[in-house]
PDB file of N, CA and C in Angstrom:
ATOM      1  N   MET A   1      23.091  -2.646   0.957  1.00  0.00           N
ATOM      2  CA  MET A   1      22.551  -1.982  -0.179  1.00  0.00           C
ATOM      3  C   MET A   1      22.791  -0.477  -0.081  1.00  0.00           C
ATOM      4  N   GLU A   2      23.133   0.114  -1.142  1.00  0.00           N
ATOM      5  CA  GLU A   2      23.366   1.557  -1.151  1.00  0.00           C
ATOM      6  C   GLU A   2      22.050   2.258  -0.852  1.00  0.00           C
ATOM      7  N   ARG A   3      22.102   3.356  -0.191  1.00  0.00           N
ATOM      8  CA  ARG A   3      20.896   4.113   0.183  1.00  0.00           C
ATOM      9  C   ARG A   3      20.118   4.528  -1.078  1.00  0.00           C
ATOM     10  N   SER A   4      20.798   4.945  -2.122  1.00  0.00           N
ATOM     11  CA  SER A   4      20.091   5.314  -3.371  1.00  0.00           C
ATOM     12  C   SER A   4      19.348   4.170  -3.947  1.00  0.00           C
ATOM     13  N   ASP A   5      19.960   2.967  -3.955  1.00  0.00           N
ATOM     14  CA  ASP A   5      19.297   1.789  -4.475  1.00  0.00           C
ATOM     15  C   ASP A   5      18.030   1.459  -3.598  1.00  0.00           C
ATOM     16  N   PHE A   6      18.203   1.516  -2.293  1.00  0.00           N
ATOM     17  CA  PHE A   6      17.100   1.259  -1.427  1.00  0.00           C
ATOM     18  C   PHE A   6      15.939   2.277  -1.670  1.00  0.00           C
ATOM     19  N   THR A   7      16.269   3.524  -1.819  1.00  0.00           N
ATOM     20  CA  THR A   7      15.292   4.588  -2.044  1.00  0.00           C
ATOM     21  C   THR A   7      14.544   4.303  -3.324  1.00  0.00           C
ATOM     22  N   ALA A   8      15.246   3.951  -4.375  1.00  0.00           N
ATOM     23  CA  ALA A   8      14.602   3.710  -5.693  1.00  0.00           C
ATOM     24  C   ALA A   8      13.720   2.479  -5.602  1.00  0.00           C
ATOM     25  N   LEU A   9      14.148   1.434  -5.025  1.00  0.00           N
ATOM     26  CA  LEU A   9      13.378   0.170  -4.940  1.00  0.00           C
ATOM     27  C   LEU A   9      12.176   0.360  -4.019  1.00  0.00           C
ATOM     28  N   SER A  10      12.312   0.989  -2.886  1.00  0.00           N
ATOM     29  CA  SER A  10      11.246   1.147  -1.949  1.00  0.00           C
ATOM     30  C   SER A  10      10.225   2.117  -2.543  1.00  0.00           C
ATOM     31  N   THR A  11      10.632   3.193  -3.138  1.00  0.00           N
ATOM     32  CA  THR A  11       9.745   4.156  -3.773  1.00  0.00           C
ATOM     33  C   THR A  11       8.886   3.487  -4.835  1.00  0.00           C
ATOM     34  N   ARG A  12       9.542   2.669  -5.651  1.00  0.00           N
ATOM     35  CA  ARG A  12       8.834   1.953  -6.724  1.00  0.00           C
ATOM     36  C   ARG A  12       7.743   1.008  -6.102  1.00  0.00           C
ATOM     37  N   ALA A  13       8.092   0.320  -5.028  1.00  0.00           N
ATOM     38  CA  ALA A  13       7.161  -0.574  -4.359  1.00  0.00           C
ATOM     39  C   ALA A  13       5.961   0.213  -3.802  1.00  0.00           C
ATOM     40  N   LEU A  14       6.255   1.276  -3.072  1.00  0.00           N
ATOM     41  CA  LEU A  14       5.165   2.040  -2.450  1.00  0.00           C
ATOM     42  C   LEU A  14       4.295   2.713  -3.461  1.00  0.00           C
ATOM     43  N   GLU A  15       4.856   3.242  -4.542  1.00  0.00           N
ATOM     44  CA  GLU A  15       4.027   3.852  -5.590  1.00  0.00           C
ATOM     45  C   GLU A  15       3.156   2.833  -6.311  1.00  0.00           C
ATOM     46  N   HIS A  16       3.730   1.631  -6.541  1.00  0.00           N
ATOM     47  CA  HIS A  16       2.900   0.526  -7.121  1.00  0.00           C
ATOM     48  C   HIS A  16       1.740   0.211  -6.229  1.00  0.00           C
ATOM     49  N   LEU A  17       2.020   0.058  -4.947  1.00  0.00           N
ATOM     50  CA  LEU A  17       0.941  -0.236  -3.986  1.00  0.00           C
ATOM     51  C   LEU A  17      -0.113   0.850  -3.934  1.00  0.00           C
ATOM     52  N   GLU A  18       0.330   2.106  -3.954  1.00  0.00           N
ATOM     53  CA  GLU A  18      -0.647   3.205  -3.920  1.00  0.00           C
ATOM     54  C   GLU A  18      -1.552   3.137  -5.167  1.00  0.00           C
ATOM     55  N   GLN A  19      -0.961   2.915  -6.338  1.00  0.00           N
ATOM     56  CA  GLN A  19      -1.766   2.882  -7.553  1.00  0.00           C
ATOM     57  C   GLN A  19      -2.683   1.691  -7.604  1.00  0.00           C
ATOM     58  N   ALA A  20      -2.178   0.513  -7.240  1.00  0.00           N
ATOM     59  CA  ALA A  20      -2.994  -0.676  -7.284  1.00  0.00           C
ATOM     60  C   ALA A  20      -4.126  -0.628  -6.267  1.00  0.00           C
ATOM     61  N   LEU A  21      -3.824  -0.267  -5.009  1.00  0.00           N
ATOM     62  CA  LEU A  21      -4.831  -0.241  -4.018  1.00  0.00           C
ATOM     63  C   LEU A  21      -5.779   0.958  -4.139  1.00  0.00           C
ATOM     64  N   GLY A  22      -5.202   2.067  -4.615  1.00  0.00           N
ATOM     65  CA  GLY A  22      -6.041   3.265  -4.820  1.00  0.00           C
ATOM     66  C   GLY A  22      -6.986   3.080  -5.957  1.00  0.00           C
ATOM     67  N   GLY A  23      -6.654   2.181  -6.870  1.00  0.00           N
ATOM     68  CA  GLY A  23      -7.541   1.932  -8.019  1.00  0.00           C
ATOM     69  C   GLY A  23      -8.635   0.943  -7.732  1.00  0.00           C
ATOM     70  N   LEU A  24      -8.677   0.385  -6.522  1.00  0.00           N
ATOM     71  CA  LEU A  24      -9.738  -0.570  -6.170  1.00  0.00           C
ATOM     72  C   LEU A  24     -11.051   0.237  -6.062  1.00  0.00           C
ATOM     73  N   GLU A  25     -12.125  -0.361  -6.554  1.00  0.00           N
ATOM     74  CA  GLU A  25     -13.467   0.246  -6.432  1.00  0.00           C
ATOM     75  C   GLU A  25     -14.056  -0.215  -5.164  1.00  0.00           C
ATOM     76  N   HIS A  26     -13.611   0.310  -4.008  1.00  0.00           N
ATOM     77  CA  HIS A  26     -14.100  -0.127  -2.730  1.00  0.00           C
ATOM     78  C   HIS A  26     -14.232   1.076  -1.793  1.00  0.00           C
ATOM     79  N   ASP A  27     -15.442   1.315  -1.325  1.00  0.00           N
ATOM     80  CA  ASP A  27     -15.690   2.491  -0.455  1.00  0.00           C
ATOM     81  C   ASP A  27     -15.110   2.357   0.876  1.00  0.00           C
ATOM     82  N   ALA A  28     -14.764   1.156   1.333  1.00  0.00           N
ATOM     83  CA  ALA A  28     -14.244   0.916   2.674  1.00  0.00           C
ATOM     84  C   ALA A  28     -12.786   1.181   2.836  1.00  0.00           C
ATOM     85  N   LEU A  29     -12.120   1.613   1.770  1.00  0.00           N
ATOM     86  CA  LEU A  29     -10.650   1.775   1.787  1.00  0.00           C
ATOM     87  C   LEU A  29     -10.224   3.158   1.247  1.00  0.00           C
ATOM     88  N   ASP A  30      -9.373   3.852   2.022  1.00  0.00           N
ATOM     89  CA  ASP A  30      -8.820   5.116   1.620  1.00  0.00           C
ATOM     90  C   ASP A  30      -7.267   4.891   1.627  1.00  0.00           C
ATOM     91  N   VAL A  31      -6.602   5.248   0.493  1.00  0.00           N
ATOM     92  CA  VAL A  31      -5.175   4.988   0.316  1.00  0.00           C
ATOM     93  C   VAL A  31      -4.424   6.337   0.253  1.00  0.00           C
ATOM     94  N   GLN A  32      -3.458   6.559   1.105  1.00  0.00           N
ATOM     95  CA  GLN A  32      -2.682   7.825   1.107  1.00  0.00           C
ATOM     96  C   GLN A  32      -1.213   7.533   1.159  1.00  0.00           C
ATOM     97  N   LEU A  33      -0.465   8.058   0.179  1.00  0.00           N
ATOM     98  CA  LEU A  33       1.001   7.970   0.219  1.00  0.00           C
ATOM     99  C   LEU A  33       1.554   9.346   0.496  1.00  0.00           C
ATOM    100  N   ALA A  34       2.286   9.457   1.597  1.00  0.00           N
ATOM    101  CA  ALA A  34       2.901  10.726   1.983  1.00  0.00           C
ATOM    102  C   ALA A  34       4.372  10.464   2.223  1.00  0.00           C
ATOM    103  N   GLY A  35       5.250  10.870   1.289  1.00  0.00           N
ATOM    104  CA  GLY A  35       6.649  10.572   1.421  1.00  0.00           C
ATOM    105  C   GLY A  35       6.911   9.123   1.319  1.00  0.00           C
ATOM    106  N   ASP A  36       7.457   8.540   2.358  1.00  0.00           N
ATOM    107  CA  ASP A  36       7.774   7.123   2.330  1.00  0.00           C
ATOM    108  C   ASP A  36       6.842   6.295   3.216  1.00  0.00           C
ATOM    109  N   VAL A  37       5.641   6.834   3.466  1.00  0.00           N
ATOM    110  CA  VAL A  37       4.618   6.187   4.325  1.00  0.00           C
ATOM    111  C   VAL A  37       3.316   6.013   3.542  1.00  0.00           C
ATOM    112  N   LEU A  38       2.904   4.783   3.359  1.00  0.00           N
ATOM    113  CA  LEU A  38       1.609   4.458   2.757  1.00  0.00           C
ATOM    114  C   LEU A  38       0.646   4.034   3.833  1.00  0.00           C
ATOM    115  N   THR A  39      -0.447   4.771   3.936  1.00  0.00           N
ATOM    116  CA  THR A  39      -1.482   4.466   4.963  1.00  0.00           C
ATOM    117  C   THR A  39      -2.768   3.989   4.295  1.00  0.00           C
ATOM    118  N   LEU A  40      -3.249   2.876   4.750  1.00  0.00           N
ATOM    119  CA  LEU A  40      -4.514   2.304   4.260  1.00  0.00           C
ATOM    120  C   LEU A  40      -5.509   2.481   5.395  1.00  0.00           C
ATOM    121  N   ALA A  41      -6.514   3.345   5.208  1.00  0.00           N
ATOM    122  CA  ALA A  41      -7.513   3.599   6.239  1.00  0.00           C
ATOM    123  C   ALA A  41      -8.791   2.934   5.825  1.00  0.00           C
ATOM    124  N   PHE A  42      -9.372   2.162   6.733  1.00  0.00           N
ATOM    125  CA  PHE A  42     -10.578   1.411   6.457  1.00  0.00           C
ATOM    126  C   PHE A  42     -11.769   2.094   7.124  1.00  0.00           C
ATOM    127  N   SER A  43     -12.960   1.838   6.620  1.00  0.00           N
ATOM    128  CA  SER A  43     -14.200   2.534   7.098  1.00  0.00           C
ATOM    129  C   SER A  43     -14.483   2.210   8.560  1.00  0.00           C
ATOM    130  N   ASP A  44     -13.938   1.114   9.101  1.00  0.00           N
ATOM    131  CA  ASP A  44     -14.198   0.746  10.519  1.00  0.00           C
ATOM    132  C   ASP A  44     -13.162   1.506  11.442  1.00  0.00           C
ATOM    133  N   GLY A  45     -12.336   2.357  10.867  1.00  0.00           N
ATOM    134  CA  GLY A  45     -11.406   3.127  11.690  1.00  0.00           C
ATOM    135  C   GLY A  45     -10.017   2.500  11.790  1.00  0.00           C
ATOM    136  N   SER A  46      -9.847   1.281  11.349  1.00  0.00           N
ATOM    137  CA  SER A  46      -8.540   0.653  11.475  1.00  0.00           C
ATOM    138  C   SER A  46      -7.630   1.159  10.307  1.00  0.00           C
ATOM    139  N   ARG A  47      -6.342   0.984  10.535  1.00  0.00           N
ATOM    140  CA  ARG A  47      -5.313   1.454   9.612  1.00  0.00           C
ATOM    141  C   ARG A  47      -4.231   0.384   9.431  1.00  0.00           C
ATOM    142  N   PHE A  48      -3.728   0.240   8.228  1.00  0.00           N
ATOM    143  CA  PHE A  48      -2.532  -0.543   7.933  1.00  0.00           C
ATOM    144  C   PHE A  48      -1.503   0.499   7.474  1.00  0.00           C
ATOM    145  N   VAL A  49      -0.269   0.319   7.914  1.00  0.00           N
ATOM    146  CA  VAL A  49       0.779   1.274   7.560  1.00  0.00           C
ATOM    147  C   VAL A  49       1.966   0.487   6.959  1.00  0.00           C
ATOM    148  N   ILE A  50       2.439   0.966   5.812  1.00  0.00           N
ATOM    149  CA  ILE A  50       3.586   0.397   5.093  1.00  0.00           C
ATOM    150  C   ILE A  50       4.548   1.576   4.913  1.00  0.00           C
ATOM    151  N   ASN A  51       5.779   1.402   5.365  1.00  0.00           N
ATOM    152  CA  ASN A  51       6.747   2.485   5.186  1.00  0.00           C
ATOM    153  C   ASN A  51       8.127   1.988   4.896  1.00  0.00           C
ATOM    154  N   ALA A  52       8.893   2.833   4.199  1.00  0.00           N
ATOM    155  CA  ALA A  52      10.250   2.539   3.890  1.00  0.00           C
ATOM    156  C   ALA A  52      11.084   3.042   5.044  1.00  0.00           C
ATOM    157  N   HIS A  53      11.834   2.126   5.632  1.00  0.00           N
ATOM    158  CA  HIS A  53      12.652   2.456   6.781  1.00  0.00           C
ATOM    159  C   HIS A  53      14.087   2.423   6.336  1.00  0.00           C
ATOM    160  N   SER A  54      14.592   3.607   5.916  1.00  0.00           N
ATOM    161  CA  SER A  54      15.929   3.698   5.272  1.00  0.00           C
ATOM    162  C   SER A  54      17.037   3.322   6.209  1.00  0.00           C
ATOM    163  N   ALA A  55      16.943   3.593   7.483  1.00  0.00           N
ATOM    164  CA  ALA A  55      18.023   3.252   8.419  1.00  0.00           C
ATOM    165  C   ALA A  55      18.212   1.739   8.487  1.00  0.00           C
ATOM    166  N   ALA A  56      17.121   1.009   8.401  1.00  0.00           N
ATOM    167  CA  ALA A  56      17.219  -0.465   8.464  1.00  0.00           C
ATOM    168  C   ALA A  56      17.346  -1.066   7.048  1.00  0.00           C
ATOM    169  N   GLY A  57      17.057  -0.282   6.018  1.00  0.00           N
ATOM    170  CA  GLY A  57      17.059  -0.777   4.643  1.00  0.00           C
ATOM    171  C   GLY A  57      15.953  -1.775   4.416  1.00  0.00           C
ATOM    172  N   GLN A  58      14.813  -1.541   5.002  1.00  0.00           N
ATOM    173  CA  GLN A  58      13.684  -2.468   4.950  1.00  0.00           C
ATOM    174  C   GLN A  58      12.372  -1.692   4.714  1.00  0.00           C
ATOM    175  N   ILE A  59      11.387  -2.432   4.201  1.00  0.00           N
ATOM    176  CA  ILE A  59       9.995  -1.927   4.195  1.00  0.00           C
ATOM    177  C   ILE A  59       9.349  -2.569   5.368  1.00  0.00           C
ATOM    178  N   TRP A  60       8.681  -1.711   6.216  1.00  0.00           N
ATOM    179  CA  TRP A  60       8.008  -2.206   7.378  1.00  0.00           C
ATOM    180  C   TRP A  60       6.531  -2.121   7.148  1.00  0.00           C
ATOM    181  N   MET A  61       5.806  -3.085   7.638  1.00  0.00           N
ATOM    182  CA  MET A  61       4.357  -3.086   7.492  1.00  0.00           C
ATOM    183  C   MET A  61       3.709  -3.484   8.813  1.00  0.00           C
ATOM    184  N   ALA A  62       2.679  -2.727   9.218  1.00  0.00           N
ATOM    185  CA  ALA A  62       1.872  -3.067  10.359  1.00  0.00           C
ATOM    186  C   ALA A  62       0.405  -3.177   9.923  1.00  0.00           C
ATOM    187  N   ALA A  63      -0.198  -4.357  10.152  1.00  0.00           N
ATOM    188  CA  ALA A  63      -1.531  -4.579   9.760  1.00  0.00           C
ATOM    189  C   ALA A  63      -2.258  -5.372  10.906  1.00  0.00           C
ATOM    190  N   GLY A  64      -3.197  -4.721  11.523  1.00  0.00           N
ATOM    191  CA  GLY A  64      -3.817  -5.375  12.695  1.00  0.00           C
ATOM    192  C   GLY A  64      -2.812  -5.524  13.795  1.00  0.00           C
ATOM    193  N   ARG A  65      -2.686  -6.724  14.324  1.00  0.00           N
ATOM    194  CA  ARG A  65      -1.756  -6.974  15.418  1.00  0.00           C
ATOM    195  C   ARG A  65      -0.446  -7.618  14.930  1.00  0.00           C
ATOM    196  N   THR A  66      -0.217  -7.562  13.631  1.00  0.00           N
ATOM    197  CA  THR A  66       0.985  -8.213  13.106  1.00  0.00           C
ATOM    198  C   THR A  66       1.835  -7.152  12.407  1.00  0.00           C
ATOM    199  N   ALA A  67       3.154  -7.356  12.495  1.00  0.00           N
ATOM    200  CA  ALA A  67       4.155  -6.473  11.842  1.00  0.00           C
ATOM    201  C   ALA A  67       5.124  -7.335  11.054  1.00  0.00           C
ATOM    202  N   TRP A  68       5.620  -6.788   9.966  1.00  0.00           N
ATOM    203  CA  TRP A  68       6.617  -7.413   9.118  1.00  0.00           C
ATOM    204  C   TRP A  68       7.765  -6.466   8.813  1.00  0.00           C
ATOM    205  N   HIS A  69       8.936  -6.983   8.633  1.00  0.00           N
ATOM    206  CA  HIS A  69      10.103  -6.217   8.171  1.00  0.00           C
ATOM    207  C   HIS A  69      10.578  -6.952   6.916  1.00  0.00           C
ATOM    208  N   PHE A  70      10.404  -6.278   5.757  1.00  0.00           N
ATOM    209  CA  PHE A  70      10.730  -6.924   4.473  1.00  0.00           C
ATOM    210  C   PHE A  70      12.113  -6.421   4.000  1.00  0.00           C
ATOM    211  N   ASP A  71      12.941  -7.401   3.586  1.00  0.00           N
ATOM    212  CA  ASP A  71      14.292  -7.047   3.010  1.00  0.00           C
ATOM    213  C   ASP A  71      14.163  -7.295   1.503  1.00  0.00           C
ATOM    214  N   TRP A  72      14.903  -6.494   0.739  1.00  0.00           N
ATOM    215  CA  TRP A  72      15.017  -6.717  -0.692  1.00  0.00           C
ATOM    216  C   TRP A  72      15.884  -7.892  -0.952  1.00  0.00           C
ATOM    217  N   ILE A  73      15.347  -8.879  -1.761  1.00  0.00           N
ATOM    218  CA  ILE A  73      16.099 -10.078  -2.168  1.00  0.00           C
ATOM    219  C   ILE A  73      16.363  -9.981  -3.606  1.00  0.00           C
ATOM    220  N   PRO A  74      17.585  -9.548  -4.059  1.00  0.00           N
ATOM    221  CA  PRO A  74      17.846  -9.292  -5.449  1.00  0.00           C
ATOM    222  C   PRO A  74      17.624 -10.531  -6.352  1.00  0.00           C
ATOM    223  N   ALA A  75      17.941 -11.707  -5.859  1.00  0.00           N
ATOM    224  CA  ALA A  75      17.792 -12.941  -6.638  1.00  0.00           C
ATOM    225  C   ALA A  75      16.344 -13.219  -6.992  1.00  0.00           C
ATOM    226  N   ARG A  76      15.429 -12.733  -6.127  1.00  0.00           N
ATOM    227  CA  ARG A  76      14.014 -12.958  -6.362  1.00  0.00           C
ATOM    228  C   ARG A  76      13.320 -11.678  -6.862  1.00  0.00           C
ATOM    229  N   SER A  77      14.011 -10.521  -6.797  1.00  0.00           N
ATOM    230  CA  SER A  77      13.395  -9.244  -7.136  1.00  0.00           C
ATOM    231  C   SER A  77      12.118  -8.998  -6.341  1.00  0.00           C
ATOM    232  N   GLN A  78      12.188  -9.336  -5.033  1.00  0.00           N
ATOM    233  CA  GLN A  78      11.026  -9.198  -4.156  1.00  0.00           C
ATOM    234  C   GLN A  78      11.460  -8.725  -2.772  1.00  0.00           C
ATOM    235  N   TRP A  79      10.493  -8.145  -2.079  1.00  0.00           N
ATOM    236  CA  TRP A  79      10.680  -7.787  -0.680  1.00  0.00           C
ATOM    237  C   TRP A  79      10.159  -8.954   0.160  1.00  0.00           C
ATOM    238  N   VAL A  80      11.040  -9.536   0.971  1.00  0.00           N
ATOM    239  CA  VAL A  80      10.749 -10.746   1.704  1.00  0.00           C
ATOM    240  C   VAL A  80      11.044 -10.531   3.192  1.00  0.00           C
ATOM    241  N   ALA A  81      10.151 -10.997   4.073  1.00  0.00           N
ATOM    242  CA  ALA A  81      10.366 -10.977   5.512  1.00  0.00           C
ATOM    243  C   ALA A  81      11.200 -12.191   5.935  1.00  0.00           C
ATOM    244  N   ALA A  82      12.409 -11.895   6.445  1.00  0.00           N
ATOM    245  CA  ALA A  82      13.292 -12.985   6.870  1.00  0.00           C
ATOM    246  C   ALA A  82      12.649 -13.869   7.936  1.00  0.00           C
ATOM    247  N   LYS A  83      11.873 -13.279   8.800  1.00  0.00           N
ATOM    248  CA  LYS A  83      11.269 -14.001   9.970  1.00  0.00           C
ATOM    249  C   LYS A  83      10.436 -15.167   9.533  1.00  0.00           C
ATOM    250  N   ASN A  84       9.656 -15.008   8.467  1.00  0.00           N
ATOM    251  CA  ASN A  84       8.705 -16.073   8.049  1.00  0.00           C
ATOM    252  C   ASN A  84       8.633 -16.350   6.573  1.00  0.00           C
ATOM    253  N   GLY A  85       9.407 -15.604   5.747  1.00  0.00           N
ATOM    254  CA  GLY A  85       9.427 -15.824   4.313  1.00  0.00           C
ATOM    255  C   GLY A  85       8.291 -15.175   3.553  1.00  0.00           C
ATOM    256  N   ASP A  86       7.413 -14.422   4.245  1.00  0.00           N
ATOM    257  CA  ASP A  86       6.294 -13.737   3.559  1.00  0.00           C
ATOM    258  C   ASP A  86       6.853 -12.694   2.569  1.00  0.00           C
ATOM    259  N   GLU A  87       6.199 -12.583   1.449  1.00  0.00           N
ATOM    260  CA  GLU A  87       6.575 -11.626   0.397  1.00  0.00           C
ATOM    261  C   GLU A  87       5.635 -10.433   0.502  1.00  0.00           C
ATOM    262  N   LEU A  88       6.131  -9.238   0.314  1.00  0.00           N
ATOM    263  CA  LEU A  88       5.333  -8.042   0.548  1.00  0.00           C
ATOM    264  C   LEU A  88       4.053  -7.981  -0.237  1.00  0.00           C
ATOM    265  N   MET A  89       4.094  -8.120  -1.568  1.00  0.00           N
ATOM    266  CA  MET A  89       2.936  -7.913  -2.393  1.00  0.00           C
ATOM    267  C   MET A  89       1.886  -8.929  -2.086  1.00  0.00           C
ATOM    268  N   SER A  90       2.224 -10.245  -1.960  1.00  0.00           N
ATOM    269  CA  SER A  90       1.221 -11.282  -1.725  1.00  0.00           C
ATOM    270  C   SER A  90       0.697 -11.144  -0.287  1.00  0.00           C
ATOM    271  N   THR A  91       1.542 -10.784   0.660  1.00  0.00           N
ATOM    272  CA  THR A  91       1.072 -10.643   2.050  1.00  0.00           C
ATOM    273  C   THR A  91       0.112  -9.453   2.144  1.00  0.00           C
ATOM    274  N   LEU A  92       0.418  -8.350   1.548  1.00  0.00           N
ATOM    275  CA  LEU A  92      -0.497  -7.189   1.611  1.00  0.00           C
ATOM    276  C   LEU A  92      -1.789  -7.482   0.901  1.00  0.00           C
ATOM    277  N   ALA A  93      -1.720  -8.165  -0.272  1.00  0.00           N
ATOM    278  CA  ALA A  93      -2.960  -8.552  -0.975  1.00  0.00           C
ATOM    279  C   ALA A  93      -3.796  -9.435  -0.110  1.00  0.00           C
ATOM    280  N   ARG A  94      -3.197 -10.368   0.620  1.00  0.00           N
ATOM    281  CA  ARG A  94      -3.962 -11.248   1.494  1.00  0.00           C
ATOM    282  C   ARG A  94      -4.620 -10.498   2.651  1.00  0.00           C
ATOM    283  N   VAL A  95      -3.846  -9.684   3.365  1.00  0.00           N
ATOM    284  CA  VAL A  95      -4.411  -9.017   4.571  1.00  0.00           C
ATOM    285  C   VAL A  95      -5.458  -7.946   4.180  1.00  0.00           C
ATOM    286  N   VAL A  96      -5.237  -7.234   3.067  1.00  0.00           N
ATOM    287  CA  VAL A  96      -6.221  -6.271   2.637  1.00  0.00           C
ATOM    288  C   VAL A  96      -7.470  -6.987   2.104  1.00  0.00           C
ATOM    289  N   GLY A  97      -7.290  -8.072   1.335  1.00  0.00           N
ATOM    290  CA  GLY A  97      -8.423  -8.865   0.887  1.00  0.00           C
ATOM    291  C   GLY A  97      -9.237  -9.402   2.017  1.00  0.00           C
ATOM    292  N   ASP A  98      -8.567  -9.904   3.055  1.00  0.00           N
ATOM    293  CA  ASP A  98      -9.264 -10.412   4.247  1.00  0.00           C
ATOM    294  C   ASP A  98     -10.078  -9.316   4.861  1.00  0.00           C
ATOM    295  N   LYS A  99      -9.463  -8.129   4.987  1.00  0.00           N
ATOM    296  CA  LYS A  99     -10.139  -7.005   5.619  1.00  0.00           C
ATOM    297  C   LYS A  99     -11.397  -6.522   4.870  1.00  0.00           C
ATOM    298  N   LEU A 100     -11.209  -6.485   3.510  1.00  0.00           N
ATOM    299  CA  LEU A 100     -12.340  -6.025   2.674  1.00  0.00           C
ATOM    300  C   LEU A 100     -13.352  -7.156   2.337  1.00  0.00           C
ATOM    301  N   GLY A 101     -12.971  -8.370   2.580  1.00  0.00           N
ATOM    302  CA  GLY A 101     -13.873  -9.496   2.258  1.00  0.00           C
ATOM    303  C   GLY A 101     -14.004  -9.718   0.742  1.00  0.00           C
ATOM    304  N   ALA A 102     -12.905  -9.362   0.042  1.00  0.00           N
ATOM    305  CA  ALA A 102     -12.893  -9.556  -1.401  1.00  0.00           C
ATOM    306  C   ALA A 102     -11.453  -9.799  -1.834  1.00  0.00           C
ATOM    307  N   PRO A 103     -11.230 -10.590  -2.869  1.00  0.00           N
ATOM    308  CA  PRO A 103      -9.852 -10.858  -3.303  1.00  0.00           C
ATOM    309  C   PRO A 103      -9.209  -9.547  -3.863  1.00  0.00           C
ATOM    310  N   VAL A 104      -7.896  -9.423  -3.567  1.00  0.00           N
ATOM    311  CA  VAL A 104      -7.088  -8.310  -3.983  1.00  0.00           C
ATOM    312  C   VAL A 104      -5.892  -8.840  -4.685  1.00  0.00           C
ATOM    313  N   SER A 105      -5.550  -8.281  -5.808  1.00  0.00           N
ATOM    314  CA  SER A 105      -4.383  -8.696  -6.561  1.00  0.00           C
ATOM    315  C   SER A 105      -3.411  -7.528  -6.692  1.00  0.00           C
ATOM    316  N   LEU A 106      -2.158  -7.805  -6.328  1.00  0.00           N
ATOM    317  CA  LEU A 106      -1.137  -6.752  -6.454  1.00  0.00           C
ATOM    318  C   LEU A 106      -0.007  -7.249  -7.375  1.00  0.00           C
TER     319      LEU A 106
END
């Protein structure tokens, strides 16, 4: 994938996540997007980090003790982890929802 395409797609994904998660009415979550790094800080001190890794052409996510590397799949118009088939939006909704104890929709 061309770097400009990756930048556009990853920026769109991170900005969507910032808006959706930042719009949650939940005191236990602070959402910060700085450049190509989205940090989710929880009231218990834990953090989830989602970033665009341009050298690899992937979006990387670390949440708890688990990490994912998501590739853009044009046929699906989704970021998918080749290792296990997890999709970025649904995976992040699940792990954030589990952490907050409430359903999250992305």
